[in-house]
Protein backbone atom coordinates (compact mmCIF):
# COMPACT_ATOMS: atom_id res chain seq x y z
CA SER A 1 -29.74 48.05 -43.81
CA LEU A 2 -28.62 46.69 -40.44
CA VAL A 3 -24.98 47.17 -41.53
CA TRP A 4 -25.35 50.97 -41.76
CA ARG A 5 -28.46 51.73 -39.67
CA PRO A 6 -29.06 49.18 -36.93
CA GLY A 7 -31.74 51.27 -35.20
CA PHE A 8 -30.87 50.11 -31.69
CA GLU A 9 -28.20 50.85 -29.08
CA PHE A 10 -25.18 48.56 -28.98
CA SER A 11 -21.87 48.32 -27.10
CA SER A 12 -19.62 47.46 -30.04
CA ARG A 13 -19.74 46.29 -33.63
CA LYS A 14 -17.50 44.00 -35.63
CA VAL A 15 -17.25 43.41 -39.35
CA GLY A 16 -16.89 39.77 -40.28
CA PHE A 17 -18.52 36.85 -42.00
CA ILE A 18 -20.63 33.74 -41.58
CA ARG A 19 -20.12 30.54 -43.53
CA GLY A 20 -22.75 28.42 -45.21
CA TYR A 21 -24.95 31.27 -46.45
CA SER A 22 -25.16 33.55 -49.45
CA ARG A 23 -26.96 36.90 -49.55
CA ARG A 24 -29.77 37.30 -52.10
CA PHE A 25 -32.29 40.04 -52.98
CA TRP A 26 -35.13 37.53 -52.77
CA GLN A 27 -37.27 39.06 -50.00
CA GLY A 28 -40.09 41.46 -50.78
CA ASP A 29 -40.64 44.56 -48.67
CA THR A 30 -43.94 46.42 -48.58
CA PHE A 31 -43.07 48.66 -45.63
CA HIS A 32 -39.44 49.84 -45.29
CA ARG A 33 -38.33 49.90 -48.96
CA GLY A 34 -41.54 49.35 -50.87
CA SER A 35 -45.32 49.43 -50.71
CA GLU A 36 -48.21 47.05 -51.28
CA LYS A 37 -48.47 48.38 -54.84
CA THR A 38 -44.73 48.25 -55.59
CA PRO A 39 -42.88 45.91 -53.22
CA GLY A 40 -39.18 46.57 -52.81
CA ARG A 41 -36.44 43.96 -52.83
CA VAL A 42 -34.26 43.44 -49.78
CA VAL A 43 -31.72 40.79 -48.90
CA THR A 44 -32.04 37.56 -47.07
CA LEU A 45 -29.67 34.70 -46.39
CA LEU A 46 -29.88 31.49 -48.36
CA GLU A 47 -28.31 28.27 -47.11
CA ASP A 48 -25.33 27.63 -49.38
CA CYS A 49 -22.71 25.27 -47.94
CA GLY A 50 -19.75 26.69 -49.90
CA ALA A 51 -20.58 30.36 -49.44
CA CYS A 52 -19.37 33.08 -47.12
CA THR A 53 -21.41 36.22 -46.37
CA TRP A 54 -19.92 39.39 -44.90
CA GLY A 55 -21.74 41.75 -42.58
CA VAL A 56 -21.73 43.28 -39.11
CA ALA A 57 -22.29 41.75 -35.68
CA TYR A 58 -23.46 44.05 -32.88
CA GLU A 59 -22.69 43.36 -29.25
CA VAL A 60 -25.54 44.30 -26.92
CA ARG A 61 -25.32 44.25 -23.12
CA GLY A 62 -27.59 44.71 -20.14
CA GLU A 63 -30.72 46.70 -20.94
CA GLN A 64 -29.67 46.89 -24.61
CA ILE A 65 -30.45 43.19 -25.04
CA ALA A 66 -34.19 43.31 -24.42
CA ALA A 67 -34.62 46.64 -26.24
CA SER A 68 -32.69 45.51 -29.33
CA LEU A 69 -34.48 42.16 -29.52
CA GLU A 70 -37.88 43.84 -29.19
CA TYR A 71 -36.97 46.33 -31.93
CA LEU A 72 -35.49 43.70 -34.26
CA ASN A 73 -38.41 41.33 -33.72
CA MET A 74 -40.77 44.07 -34.93
CA ARG A 75 -38.52 45.30 -37.76
CA GLU A 76 -37.35 41.96 -39.12
CA ALA A 77 -39.79 39.28 -37.96
CA VAL A 78 -43.20 40.97 -37.78
CA LEU A 79 -42.80 43.54 -40.59
CA GLY A 80 -40.16 41.68 -42.61
CA GLY A 81 -41.27 38.06 -42.41
CA TYR A 82 -37.89 36.75 -41.23
CA ASP A 83 -37.11 33.83 -38.93
CA THR A 84 -34.13 33.79 -36.57
CA LYS A 85 -31.18 31.45 -36.36
CA LEU A 86 -27.94 31.32 -34.37
CA VAL A 87 -24.75 31.07 -36.43
CA LYS A 88 -20.99 31.35 -35.90
CA PHE A 89 -19.72 34.81 -36.82
CA HIS A 90 -16.03 35.19 -37.67
CA PRO A 91 -14.71 38.70 -36.91
CA GLN A 92 -12.50 40.26 -39.58
CA GLU A 93 -9.85 41.40 -37.09
CA LYS A 94 -6.50 39.62 -37.36
CA ASP A 95 -6.26 39.09 -33.59
CA ALA A 96 -9.88 38.00 -33.24
CA GLU A 97 -10.61 35.25 -30.81
CA GLU A 98 -12.82 32.28 -31.62
CA PRO A 99 -15.97 32.82 -33.68
CA ILE A 100 -18.83 34.35 -31.74
CA LEU A 101 -22.44 33.24 -31.69
CA ALA A 102 -24.68 35.66 -33.59
CA LEU A 103 -28.39 35.93 -34.24
CA VAL A 104 -29.32 36.28 -37.93
CA TYR A 105 -32.64 36.90 -39.63
CA ILE A 106 -33.52 34.69 -42.58
CA ALA A 107 -36.53 34.98 -44.87
CA THR A 108 -37.92 31.63 -45.88
CA PRO A 109 -39.93 30.72 -48.97
CA GLN A 110 -42.91 30.06 -46.66
CA ASN A 111 -43.40 33.72 -45.71
CA PRO A 112 -45.86 35.76 -47.80
CA SER A 113 -43.29 38.45 -48.70
CA TYR A 114 -40.75 36.01 -50.10
CA LEU A 115 -40.22 36.73 -53.82
CA GLY A 116 -37.49 34.24 -54.64
CA PRO A 117 -35.04 34.33 -57.52
CA ALA A 118 -35.20 36.62 -60.53
CA SER A 119 -32.66 37.92 -63.01
CA GLU A 120 -30.39 40.73 -61.88
CA GLU A 121 -32.05 42.99 -64.47
CA ASP A 122 -35.55 42.22 -63.16
CA ILE A 123 -34.46 42.77 -59.56
CA ALA A 124 -32.82 46.10 -60.52
CA ALA A 125 -35.97 47.20 -62.37
CA GLN A 126 -38.09 46.41 -59.30
CA ILE A 127 -35.68 48.26 -57.00
CA ILE A 128 -35.78 51.38 -59.21
CA VAL A 129 -39.54 51.84 -58.80
CA SER A 130 -39.83 50.95 -55.09
CA SER A 131 -39.85 53.23 -52.08
CA GLY A 132 -41.12 52.85 -48.51
CA CYS A 133 -41.13 54.58 -45.14
CA ALA A 134 -37.35 54.05 -44.67
CA GLY A 135 -36.49 55.49 -48.08
CA HIS A 136 -35.99 54.49 -51.68
CA ASN A 137 -35.02 50.93 -52.51
CA ILE A 138 -32.14 52.29 -54.65
CA GLU A 139 -30.54 53.71 -51.49
CA TYR A 140 -30.72 50.28 -49.84
CA LEU A 141 -28.91 48.61 -52.76
CA LEU A 142 -26.25 51.31 -53.16
CA ARG A 143 -25.50 51.59 -49.44
CA LEU A 144 -25.07 47.82 -49.16
CA ALA A 145 -22.72 47.83 -52.16
CA ASP A 146 -20.76 50.74 -50.65
CA PHE A 147 -20.50 48.93 -47.32
CA MET A 148 -19.09 45.86 -49.05
CA ARG A 149 -16.53 47.88 -51.02
CA TYR A 150 -15.37 49.92 -48.04
CA PHE A 151 -15.46 47.42 -45.16
CA CYS A 152 -15.04 44.09 -46.97
CA PRO A 153 -12.96 44.79 -50.09
CA GLN A 154 -11.68 41.21 -50.14
CA ALA A 155 -15.21 39.77 -50.35
CA GLU A 156 -16.81 38.80 -53.65
CA ASP A 157 -20.58 39.29 -53.87
CA LYS A 158 -21.42 38.75 -57.54
CA HIS A 159 -25.17 38.83 -56.93
CA LEU A 160 -25.06 42.24 -55.22
CA PHE A 161 -22.65 43.86 -57.67
CA SER A 162 -24.47 42.44 -60.72
CA ILE A 163 -27.72 44.01 -59.52
CA GLU A 164 -25.92 47.30 -58.87
CA GLU A 165 -24.45 47.18 -62.38
CA ALA A 166 -27.86 46.41 -63.89
CA LEU A 167 -29.42 49.29 -61.96
CA ILE A 168 -26.75 51.73 -63.15
CA SER A 169 -27.23 50.61 -66.75
CA ILE A 170 -30.99 51.28 -66.49
CA LEU A 171 -30.84 54.62 -64.64
CA PRO A 172 -29.54 56.80 -67.52
CA CYS A 173 -32.58 55.77 -69.56
CA LEU A 174 -34.88 57.07 -66.84
CA TYR A 175 -33.28 60.51 -66.68
CA TYR A 176 -32.61 61.06 -70.36
CA THR A 177 -34.67 63.82 -71.94
CA GLU A 178 -34.43 64.60 -75.59
CA GLU A 179 -34.14 68.26 -76.42
CA SER A 180 -34.25 69.65 -79.90
CA PRO A 181 -31.21 71.69 -80.85
CA GLU A 182 -31.74 75.39 -80.98
CA GLU A 183 -31.85 76.87 -84.43
CA THR A 184 -29.62 79.80 -85.17
């Protein structure tokens, strides 16, 4: 959700990508997009030498630095179970300078909320029933898919779009109600 709701002040933002990582819905969430009873599924980065993952880098300056790091440490590290790593971020802009150094949050299999791989259908089914203090897990999935389509149309994210497709194929079943035809 950092791509559409960072939750901290920043000076500028750039859409771009990092190399060597793929995005996966392998992290559990019992606070923002789920609960202890029904954990949600949120994304993390997985080391993948041939992959490229698109997202947003935020530039923070002055007093924004300490405030954003404090906020992100609570949101991503304490509540989310993520570790941090510095990576090279390549801005999408044609006239972009050299890659910039960016801080990313990565969930590892060692953290207690890590769920690991599952089929797209199983992940979609878990997302459908999960909701937390930041909203429904469906919103998280659909907003990420929308971000990718709108800001990164050249990027291919089969994992994300397969889960979205699986979710959409399940949803009509949840809202279907059978009514008997009226007799004349």
